[in-house]
Amino acid sequence: MKRSFIYRVIVAIMIVVAAAGCSGVEKLRDIKVTDCTLSSITPQGLRALKADLLVKVDNPAVQLTLDDIQGKLYYNGDAVLSYSAPAVTLKARTEDSYTIPLKAHLLEGVSLLKVLQMLSEDSLEGFTTDVSARAKLRSGLSKEFSYEGLPLEDLAQGGFLQKQ
């Protein structure tokens, strides 16, 4: 009888902890990128470049880590480069800025000079991106997500993506 009571208490505690954790998970939908700036671009040889992306994030939810970040950049529908970034941990219940170092590799048939010329233009018209990543909570739960064909110009109109 005493064991049965202890098991019930343990199960009740687990349910309360799980419910509290779920309320934080529901807030994940409320995470917003409030600003994004391409702060630097540096050529790395003839087929690669590094870029720093300064991203401001409003995270009313729990701490989470974005990893396995990768994507492709397109210009007028043509794939220009593929990129990746190391894991980034978003602090819980904060609005904070994060510098995300991107490593990019030019795709076959694309010259570094052409890419640098495209990126130096004032307009983002014609640029789209595909991006995928995995969001991982401290508890170990994770979810993969991906977006395709995101127009950079549309993102810039809301102050989301700006060039310095």
N, C-alpha and C. Protein backbone atom coordinates (compact mmCIF):
# COMPACT_ATOMS: atom_id res chain seq x y z
N MET A 1 0.82 -1.18 0.00
CA MET A 1 0.00 0.00 0.00
C MET A 1 0.87 1.25 0.00
N LYS A 2 1.93 1.22 0.81
CA LYS A 2 2.81 2.36 0.90
C LYS A 2 3.52 2.60 -0.44
N ARG A 3 3.94 1.52 -1.12
CA ARG A 3 4.60 1.64 -2.42
C ARG A 3 3.66 2.24 -3.44
N SER A 4 2.43 1.80 -3.45
CA SER A 4 1.43 2.31 -4.38
C SER A 4 1.28 3.82 -4.21
N PHE A 5 1.26 4.30 -3.00
CA PHE A 5 1.14 5.73 -2.72
C PHE A 5 2.36 6.48 -3.25
N ILE A 6 3.55 5.95 -3.03
CA ILE A 6 4.79 6.59 -3.49
C ILE A 6 4.80 6.66 -5.02
N TYR A 7 4.39 5.58 -5.70
CA TYR A 7 4.35 5.59 -7.15
C TYR A 7 3.37 6.64 -7.67
N ARG A 8 2.24 6.77 -7.02
CA ARG A 8 1.25 7.78 -7.41
C ARG A 8 1.82 9.18 -7.25
N VAL A 9 2.54 9.41 -6.17
CA VAL A 9 3.14 10.73 -5.94
C VAL A 9 4.18 11.02 -7.02
N ILE A 10 5.01 10.02 -7.33
CA ILE A 10 6.03 10.20 -8.37
C ILE A 10 5.38 10.49 -9.72
N VAL A 11 4.34 9.75 -10.07
CA VAL A 11 3.64 9.98 -11.33
C VAL A 11 3.02 11.37 -11.34
N ALA A 12 2.42 11.80 -10.24
CA ALA A 12 1.82 13.14 -10.16
C ALA A 12 2.88 14.22 -10.36
N ILE A 13 4.04 14.05 -9.73
CA ILE A 13 5.12 15.02 -9.88
C ILE A 13 5.58 15.06 -11.33
N MET A 14 5.70 13.89 -11.97
CA MET A 14 6.13 13.84 -13.37
C MET A 14 5.13 14.55 -14.27
N ILE A 15 3.84 14.40 -14.00
CA ILE A 15 2.81 15.06 -14.80
C ILE A 15 2.90 16.57 -14.63
N VAL A 16 3.11 17.04 -13.40
CA VAL A 16 3.23 18.49 -13.16
C VAL A 16 4.45 19.05 -13.88
N VAL A 17 5.57 18.35 -13.78
CA VAL A 17 6.80 18.80 -14.46
C VAL A 17 6.60 18.82 -15.97
N ALA A 18 5.98 17.78 -16.51
CA ALA A 18 5.73 17.71 -17.95
C ALA A 18 4.79 18.84 -18.39
N ALA A 19 3.77 19.12 -17.61
CA ALA A 19 2.82 20.19 -17.95
C ALA A 19 3.51 21.55 -17.92
N ALA A 20 4.37 21.75 -16.94
CA ALA A 20 5.11 23.01 -16.85
C ALA A 20 6.03 23.15 -18.05
N GLY A 21 6.66 22.07 -18.45
CA GLY A 21 7.53 22.09 -19.62
C GLY A 21 6.76 22.36 -20.89
N CYS A 22 5.56 21.82 -21.00
CA CYS A 22 4.74 22.02 -22.20
C CYS A 22 4.32 23.46 -22.36
N SER A 23 4.07 24.16 -21.25
CA SER A 23 3.68 25.56 -21.37
C SER A 23 4.81 26.36 -21.99
N GLY A 24 6.06 26.02 -21.69
CA GLY A 24 7.20 26.68 -22.31
C GLY A 24 7.32 26.32 -23.78
N VAL A 25 7.00 25.08 -24.11
CA VAL A 25 7.08 24.63 -25.50
C VAL A 25 6.05 25.36 -26.36
N GLU A 26 4.84 25.58 -25.81
CA GLU A 26 3.82 26.30 -26.57
C GLU A 26 4.27 27.71 -26.92
N LYS A 27 5.09 28.33 -26.07
CA LYS A 27 5.57 29.68 -26.33
C LYS A 27 6.60 29.72 -27.44
N LEU A 28 7.09 28.56 -27.90
CA LEU A 28 8.07 28.54 -28.98
C LEU A 28 7.52 29.23 -30.22
N ARG A 29 6.22 29.16 -30.41
CA ARG A 29 5.60 29.82 -31.57
C ARG A 29 5.71 31.33 -31.49
N ASP A 30 5.94 31.87 -30.29
CA ASP A 30 6.01 33.31 -30.09
C ASP A 30 7.40 33.88 -30.30
N ILE A 31 8.39 33.04 -30.59
CA ILE A 31 9.75 33.53 -30.82
C ILE A 31 9.76 34.33 -32.12
N LYS A 32 10.36 35.53 -32.05
CA LYS A 32 10.40 36.40 -33.22
C LYS A 32 11.81 36.89 -33.48
N VAL A 33 12.18 36.93 -34.74
CA VAL A 33 13.41 37.59 -35.15
C VAL A 33 13.02 39.03 -35.41
N THR A 34 13.56 39.97 -34.63
CA THR A 34 13.16 41.37 -34.75
C THR A 34 14.09 42.19 -35.63
N ASP A 35 15.30 41.69 -35.88
CA ASP A 35 16.24 42.40 -36.74
C ASP A 35 17.30 41.42 -37.22
N CYS A 36 17.80 41.65 -38.41
CA CYS A 36 18.82 40.79 -38.98
C CYS A 36 19.68 41.62 -39.91
N THR A 37 20.99 41.63 -39.66
CA THR A 37 21.90 42.44 -40.44
C THR A 37 23.09 41.60 -40.88
N LEU A 38 23.43 41.70 -42.15
CA LEU A 38 24.63 41.06 -42.66
C LEU A 38 25.78 42.00 -42.32
N SER A 39 26.56 41.66 -41.29
CA SER A 39 27.55 42.62 -40.79
C SER A 39 28.91 42.53 -41.46
N SER A 40 29.26 41.37 -42.04
CA SER A 40 30.54 41.28 -42.75
C SER A 40 30.53 40.12 -43.73
N ILE A 41 31.31 40.30 -44.80
CA ILE A 41 31.51 39.24 -45.79
C ILE A 41 33.01 39.20 -46.09
N THR A 42 33.61 38.03 -45.98
CA THR A 42 35.04 37.87 -46.22
C THR A 42 35.27 36.69 -47.16
N PRO A 43 35.91 36.93 -48.31
CA PRO A 43 36.23 35.81 -49.20
C PRO A 43 37.22 34.85 -48.53
N GLN A 44 37.05 33.58 -48.78
CA GLN A 44 37.94 32.53 -48.26
C GLN A 44 38.41 31.70 -49.45
N GLY A 45 39.45 32.16 -50.10
CA GLY A 45 39.90 31.49 -51.31
C GLY A 45 39.02 31.89 -52.48
N LEU A 46 38.97 31.03 -53.50
CA LEU A 46 38.21 31.37 -54.71
C LEU A 46 36.80 30.79 -54.73
N ARG A 47 36.48 29.86 -53.85
CA ARG A 47 35.19 29.18 -53.92
C ARG A 47 34.38 29.27 -52.63
N ALA A 48 34.83 30.08 -51.68
CA ALA A 48 34.12 30.13 -50.40
C ALA A 48 34.17 31.53 -49.82
N LEU A 49 33.31 31.76 -48.85
CA LEU A 49 33.33 33.01 -48.10
C LEU A 49 32.76 32.80 -46.73
N LYS A 50 33.10 33.71 -45.84
CA LYS A 50 32.54 33.73 -44.50
C LYS A 50 31.73 35.00 -44.35
N ALA A 51 30.66 34.91 -43.61
CA ALA A 51 29.82 36.08 -43.37
C ALA A 51 29.32 36.02 -41.94
N ASP A 52 29.19 37.18 -41.33
CA ASP A 52 28.61 37.27 -40.00
C ASP A 52 27.23 37.88 -40.11
N LEU A 53 26.27 37.19 -39.53
CA LEU A 53 24.89 37.63 -39.51
C LEU A 53 24.58 38.03 -38.09
N LEU A 54 24.18 39.29 -37.88
CA LEU A 54 23.80 39.76 -36.55
C LEU A 54 22.28 39.68 -36.46
N VAL A 55 21.79 38.82 -35.56
CA VAL A 55 20.36 38.54 -35.47
C VAL A 55 19.86 38.92 -34.08
N LYS A 56 18.78 39.70 -34.03
CA LYS A 56 18.16 40.05 -32.76
C LYS A 56 16.89 39.20 -32.62
N VAL A 57 16.80 38.48 -31.50
CA VAL A 57 15.70 37.53 -31.29
C VAL A 57 14.96 37.85 -30.00
N ASP A 58 13.63 37.90 -30.09
CA ASP A 58 12.78 38.03 -28.91
C ASP A 58 12.28 36.63 -28.58
N ASN A 59 12.79 36.06 -27.49
CA ASN A 59 12.45 34.69 -27.11
C ASN A 59 11.71 34.70 -25.76
N PRO A 60 10.37 34.67 -25.78
CA PRO A 60 9.61 34.62 -24.54
C PRO A 60 9.52 33.19 -23.97
N ALA A 61 10.12 32.25 -24.67
CA ALA A 61 10.01 30.83 -24.31
C ALA A 61 11.25 30.36 -23.55
N VAL A 62 11.37 29.07 -23.46
CA VAL A 62 12.48 28.42 -22.77
C VAL A 62 13.75 28.50 -23.61
N GLN A 63 14.88 28.21 -23.00
CA GLN A 63 16.15 28.17 -23.73
C GLN A 63 16.10 27.06 -24.76
N LEU A 64 16.62 27.35 -25.96
CA LEU A 64 16.71 26.31 -26.96
C LEU A 64 17.95 26.52 -27.80
N THR A 65 18.40 25.44 -28.41
CA THR A 65 19.58 25.49 -29.25
C THR A 65 19.20 25.15 -30.67
N LEU A 66 19.63 25.98 -31.60
CA LEU A 66 19.44 25.70 -33.02
C LEU A 66 20.75 25.11 -33.52
N ASP A 67 20.67 23.92 -34.09
CA ASP A 67 21.88 23.34 -34.67
C ASP A 67 21.56 22.72 -36.01
N ASP A 68 22.59 22.20 -36.67
CA ASP A 68 22.46 21.65 -38.01
C ASP A 68 21.82 22.67 -38.96
N ILE A 69 22.28 23.93 -38.83
CA ILE A 69 21.76 25.02 -39.64
C ILE A 69 22.44 24.96 -41.01
N GLN A 70 21.62 24.89 -42.05
CA GLN A 70 22.17 24.88 -43.41
C GLN A 70 21.14 25.37 -44.40
N GLY A 71 21.61 25.81 -45.54
CA GLY A 71 20.69 26.31 -46.54
C GLY A 71 21.36 26.63 -47.85
N LYS A 72 20.57 27.18 -48.77
CA LYS A 72 21.06 27.61 -50.08
C LYS A 72 20.52 29.00 -50.36
N LEU A 73 21.34 29.79 -51.03
CA LEU A 73 20.94 31.13 -51.46
C LEU A 73 20.72 31.09 -52.96
N TYR A 74 19.62 31.69 -53.43
CA TYR A 74 19.27 31.72 -54.84
C TYR A 74 19.19 33.17 -55.30
N TYR A 75 19.56 33.39 -56.55
CA TYR A 75 19.41 34.71 -57.16
C TYR A 75 18.66 34.51 -58.47
N ASN A 76 17.48 35.10 -58.56
CA ASN A 76 16.59 34.94 -59.71
C ASN A 76 16.35 33.47 -60.05
N GLY A 77 16.19 32.66 -59.02
CA GLY A 77 15.88 31.25 -59.19
C GLY A 77 17.08 30.34 -59.38
N ASP A 78 18.26 30.90 -59.58
CA ASP A 78 19.47 30.09 -59.76
C ASP A 78 20.20 29.94 -58.43
N ALA A 79 20.55 28.71 -58.09
CA ALA A 79 21.29 28.45 -56.85
C ALA A 79 22.68 29.05 -56.97
N VAL A 80 23.07 29.84 -55.96
CA VAL A 80 24.33 30.56 -55.99
C VAL A 80 25.34 29.92 -55.04
N LEU A 81 24.89 29.69 -53.82
CA LEU A 81 25.81 29.13 -52.82
C LEU A 81 25.04 28.34 -51.79
N SER A 82 25.78 27.46 -51.12
CA SER A 82 25.21 26.73 -49.98
C SER A 82 25.93 27.24 -48.74
N TYR A 83 25.23 27.26 -47.62
CA TYR A 83 25.82 27.78 -46.39
C TYR A 83 25.46 26.91 -45.20
N SER A 84 26.26 27.08 -44.15
CA SER A 84 25.99 26.38 -42.89
C SER A 84 26.45 27.28 -41.76
N ALA A 85 25.97 26.98 -40.56
CA ALA A 85 26.33 27.76 -39.37
C ALA A 85 26.43 26.83 -38.18
N PRO A 86 27.28 27.18 -37.21
CA PRO A 86 27.38 26.37 -35.99
C PRO A 86 26.14 26.56 -35.12
N ALA A 87 26.03 25.75 -34.11
CA ALA A 87 24.88 25.82 -33.20
C ALA A 87 24.81 27.17 -32.50
N VAL A 88 23.58 27.63 -32.28
CA VAL A 88 23.32 28.89 -31.58
C VAL A 88 22.32 28.59 -30.47
N THR A 89 22.64 29.02 -29.25
CA THR A 89 21.73 28.83 -28.12
C THR A 89 21.01 30.13 -27.83
N LEU A 90 19.67 30.10 -27.88
CA LEU A 90 18.85 31.27 -27.59
C LEU A 90 18.49 31.25 -26.10
N LYS A 91 18.85 32.33 -25.41
CA LYS A 91 18.57 32.42 -23.98
C LYS A 91 17.07 32.51 -23.73
N ALA A 92 16.64 31.95 -22.60
CA ALA A 92 15.22 31.93 -22.24
C ALA A 92 14.73 33.32 -21.84
N ARG A 93 13.52 33.62 -22.25
CA ARG A 93 12.80 34.82 -21.84
C ARG A 93 13.63 36.10 -21.93
N THR A 94 14.25 36.31 -23.11
CA THR A 94 15.05 37.51 -23.33
C THR A 94 14.87 38.01 -24.76
N GLU A 95 15.23 39.26 -24.95
CA GLU A 95 15.40 39.81 -26.29
C GLU A 95 16.88 40.12 -26.39
N ASP A 96 17.59 39.38 -27.22
CA ASP A 96 19.04 39.47 -27.25
C ASP A 96 19.54 39.38 -28.69
N SER A 97 20.78 39.81 -28.90
CA SER A 97 21.41 39.74 -30.22
C SER A 97 22.43 38.60 -30.25
N TYR A 98 22.50 37.96 -31.40
CA TYR A 98 23.41 36.83 -31.58
C TYR A 98 24.16 37.02 -32.89
N THR A 99 25.46 36.80 -32.87
CA THR A 99 26.24 36.82 -34.10
C THR A 99 26.37 35.38 -34.58
N ILE A 100 25.90 35.16 -35.80
CA ILE A 100 25.93 33.82 -36.37
C ILE A 100 26.95 33.82 -37.52
N PRO A 101 28.07 33.10 -37.33
CA PRO A 101 29.06 33.03 -38.41
C PRO A 101 28.64 31.99 -39.45
N LEU A 102 28.47 32.44 -40.67
CA LEU A 102 28.09 31.55 -41.76
C LEU A 102 29.31 31.18 -42.58
N LYS A 103 29.38 29.93 -43.00
CA LYS A 103 30.39 29.48 -43.96
C LYS A 103 29.63 29.15 -45.24
N ALA A 104 30.07 29.73 -46.34
CA ALA A 104 29.38 29.51 -47.60
C ALA A 104 30.35 29.00 -48.65
N HIS A 105 29.82 28.12 -49.50
CA HIS A 105 30.60 27.56 -50.61
C HIS A 105 29.84 27.82 -51.91
N LEU A 106 30.55 28.37 -52.87
CA LEU A 106 29.92 28.66 -54.15
C LEU A 106 29.59 27.37 -54.88
N LEU A 107 28.46 27.38 -55.53
CA LEU A 107 28.06 26.20 -56.30
C LEU A 107 28.75 26.23 -57.67
N GLU A 108 28.78 25.12 -58.33
CA GLU A 108 29.45 24.96 -59.62
C GLU A 108 28.96 26.02 -60.61
N GLY A 109 29.90 26.64 -61.31
CA GLY A 109 29.55 27.63 -62.34
C GLY A 109 29.32 29.03 -61.82
N VAL A 110 29.53 29.27 -60.54
CA VAL A 110 29.32 30.59 -59.95
C VAL A 110 30.67 31.15 -59.53
N SER A 111 30.95 32.39 -59.94
CA SER A 111 32.24 32.99 -59.58
C SER A 111 32.11 33.83 -58.32
N LEU A 112 33.17 33.90 -57.55
CA LEU A 112 33.20 34.68 -56.32
C LEU A 112 32.98 36.16 -56.61
N LEU A 113 33.56 36.66 -57.70
CA LEU A 113 33.39 38.06 -58.06
C LEU A 113 31.92 38.39 -58.30
N LYS A 114 31.22 37.50 -58.99
CA LYS A 114 29.79 37.71 -59.28
C LYS A 114 28.98 37.74 -57.99
N VAL A 115 29.27 36.83 -57.06
CA VAL A 115 28.54 36.78 -55.79
C VAL A 115 28.80 38.04 -54.97
N LEU A 116 30.06 38.46 -54.89
CA LEU A 116 30.37 39.68 -54.14
C LEU A 116 29.69 40.90 -54.75
N GLN A 117 29.61 40.94 -56.08
CA GLN A 117 28.91 42.03 -56.76
C GLN A 117 27.42 42.01 -56.42
N MET A 118 26.80 40.82 -56.46
CA MET A 118 25.38 40.71 -56.13
C MET A 118 25.11 41.14 -54.70
N LEU A 119 25.96 40.70 -53.78
CA LEU A 119 25.75 41.01 -52.37
C LEU A 119 26.03 42.47 -52.03
N SER A 120 26.78 43.18 -52.87
CA SER A 120 27.08 44.58 -52.59
C SER A 120 25.98 45.52 -53.07
N GLU A 121 25.05 45.02 -53.87
CA GLU A 121 23.94 45.85 -54.35
C GLU A 121 23.04 46.25 -53.19
N ASP A 122 22.37 47.39 -53.36
CA ASP A 122 21.48 47.89 -52.30
C ASP A 122 20.17 47.12 -52.24
N SER A 123 19.79 46.49 -53.31
CA SER A 123 18.51 45.80 -53.38
C SER A 123 18.66 44.30 -53.13
N LEU A 124 17.69 43.74 -52.45
CA LEU A 124 17.65 42.29 -52.23
C LEU A 124 16.70 41.61 -53.21
N GLU A 125 16.23 42.37 -54.19
CA GLU A 125 15.29 41.83 -55.16
C GLU A 125 15.92 40.66 -55.90
N GLY A 126 15.17 39.59 -56.01
CA GLY A 126 15.64 38.40 -56.71
C GLY A 126 16.31 37.37 -55.82
N PHE A 127 16.64 37.73 -54.57
CA PHE A 127 17.28 36.79 -53.65
C PHE A 127 16.24 36.01 -52.87
N THR A 128 16.40 34.70 -52.83
CA THR A 128 15.58 33.83 -51.97
C THR A 128 16.52 32.85 -51.28
N THR A 129 16.01 32.23 -50.24
CA THR A 129 16.83 31.25 -49.53
C THR A 129 15.98 30.08 -49.06
N ASP A 130 16.62 28.94 -49.01
CA ASP A 130 16.08 27.76 -48.34
C ASP A 130 16.91 27.60 -47.08
N VAL A 131 16.29 27.29 -45.97
CA VAL A 131 17.05 27.09 -44.73
C VAL A 131 16.41 25.97 -43.93
N SER A 132 17.25 25.19 -43.28
CA SER A 132 16.76 24.13 -42.39
C SER A 132 17.63 24.12 -41.13
N ALA A 133 17.03 23.66 -40.05
CA ALA A 133 17.75 23.58 -38.77
C ALA A 133 16.99 22.64 -37.85
N ARG A 134 17.60 22.36 -36.71
CA ARG A 134 16.94 21.56 -35.68
C ARG A 134 16.92 22.40 -34.41
N ALA A 135 15.74 22.52 -33.81
CA ALA A 135 15.60 23.22 -32.53
C ALA A 135 15.58 22.17 -31.43
N LYS A 136 16.48 22.35 -30.45
CA LYS A 136 16.62 21.36 -29.40
C LYS A 136 16.45 22.04 -28.04
N LEU A 137 15.57 21.47 -27.21
CA LEU A 137 15.38 21.96 -25.85
C LEU A 137 16.39 21.30 -24.92
N ARG A 138 16.58 21.90 -23.74
CA ARG A 138 17.51 21.31 -22.77
C ARG A 138 17.09 19.91 -22.35
N SER A 139 15.79 19.65 -22.40
CA SER A 139 15.28 18.34 -22.00
C SER A 139 15.67 17.25 -23.00
N GLY A 140 16.18 17.66 -24.17
CA GLY A 140 16.56 16.68 -25.18
C GLY A 140 15.55 16.58 -26.31
N LEU A 141 14.35 17.11 -26.11
CA LEU A 141 13.36 17.11 -27.19
C LEU A 141 13.86 17.99 -28.32
N SER A 142 13.64 17.54 -29.56
CA SER A 142 14.07 18.35 -30.69
C SER A 142 13.06 18.23 -31.83
N LYS A 143 13.10 19.23 -32.70
CA LYS A 143 12.20 19.27 -33.85
C LYS A 143 12.97 19.87 -35.01
N GLU A 144 12.93 19.20 -36.14
CA GLU A 144 13.57 19.73 -37.34
C GLU A 144 12.55 20.57 -38.10
N PHE A 145 13.04 21.67 -38.69
CA PHE A 145 12.16 22.49 -39.50
C PHE A 145 12.92 22.99 -40.72
N SER A 146 12.18 23.35 -41.75
CA SER A 146 12.81 23.91 -42.95
C SER A 146 11.84 24.86 -43.64
N TYR A 147 12.42 25.85 -44.28
CA TYR A 147 11.66 26.83 -45.06
C TYR A 147 12.29 26.88 -46.44
N GLU A 148 11.45 26.96 -47.47
CA GLU A 148 11.95 27.01 -48.84
C GLU A 148 11.45 28.27 -49.52
N GLY A 149 12.32 28.84 -50.33
CA GLY A 149 11.94 29.98 -51.16
C GLY A 149 11.60 31.24 -50.39
N LEU A 150 12.25 31.49 -49.26
CA LEU A 150 12.00 32.72 -48.51
C LEU A 150 12.58 33.91 -49.26
N PRO A 151 11.74 34.86 -49.71
CA PRO A 151 12.27 36.03 -50.41
C PRO A 151 12.91 37.01 -49.42
N LEU A 152 14.19 37.31 -49.62
CA LEU A 152 14.89 38.20 -48.71
C LEU A 152 14.33 39.62 -48.76
N GLU A 153 13.85 40.03 -49.93
CA GLU A 153 13.29 41.38 -50.07
C GLU A 153 12.04 41.55 -49.19
N ASP A 154 11.17 40.54 -49.15
CA ASP A 154 9.97 40.61 -48.30
C ASP A 154 10.35 40.67 -46.83
N LEU A 155 11.37 39.92 -46.45
CA LEU A 155 11.81 39.93 -45.06
C LEU A 155 12.38 41.29 -44.68
N ALA A 156 13.03 41.96 -45.64
CA ALA A 156 13.66 43.25 -45.37
C ALA A 156 12.63 44.35 -45.16
N GLN A 157 11.46 44.24 -45.77
CA GLN A 157 10.44 45.30 -45.67
C GLN A 157 9.97 45.50 -44.24
N GLY A 158 9.97 44.47 -43.45
CA GLY A 158 9.56 44.59 -42.06
C GLY A 158 10.72 44.93 -41.15
N GLY A 159 11.86 45.30 -41.72
CA GLY A 159 13.03 45.58 -40.90
C GLY A 159 13.69 44.30 -40.44
N PHE A 160 13.25 43.17 -40.98
CA PHE A 160 13.79 41.88 -40.55
C PHE A 160 15.21 41.68 -41.05
N LEU A 161 15.44 41.94 -42.32
CA LEU A 161 16.76 41.72 -42.87
C LEU A 161 17.25 43.02 -43.48
N GLN A 162 18.35 43.53 -42.96
CA GLN A 162 18.91 44.78 -43.45
C GLN A 162 20.36 44.57 -43.79
N LYS A 163 20.83 45.33 -44.74
CA LYS A 163 22.24 45.29 -45.09
C LYS A 163 22.89 46.54 -44.53
N GLN A 164 24.10 46.40 -44.00
CA GLN A 164 24.81 47.57 -43.49
C GLN A 164 25.62 48.20 -44.59
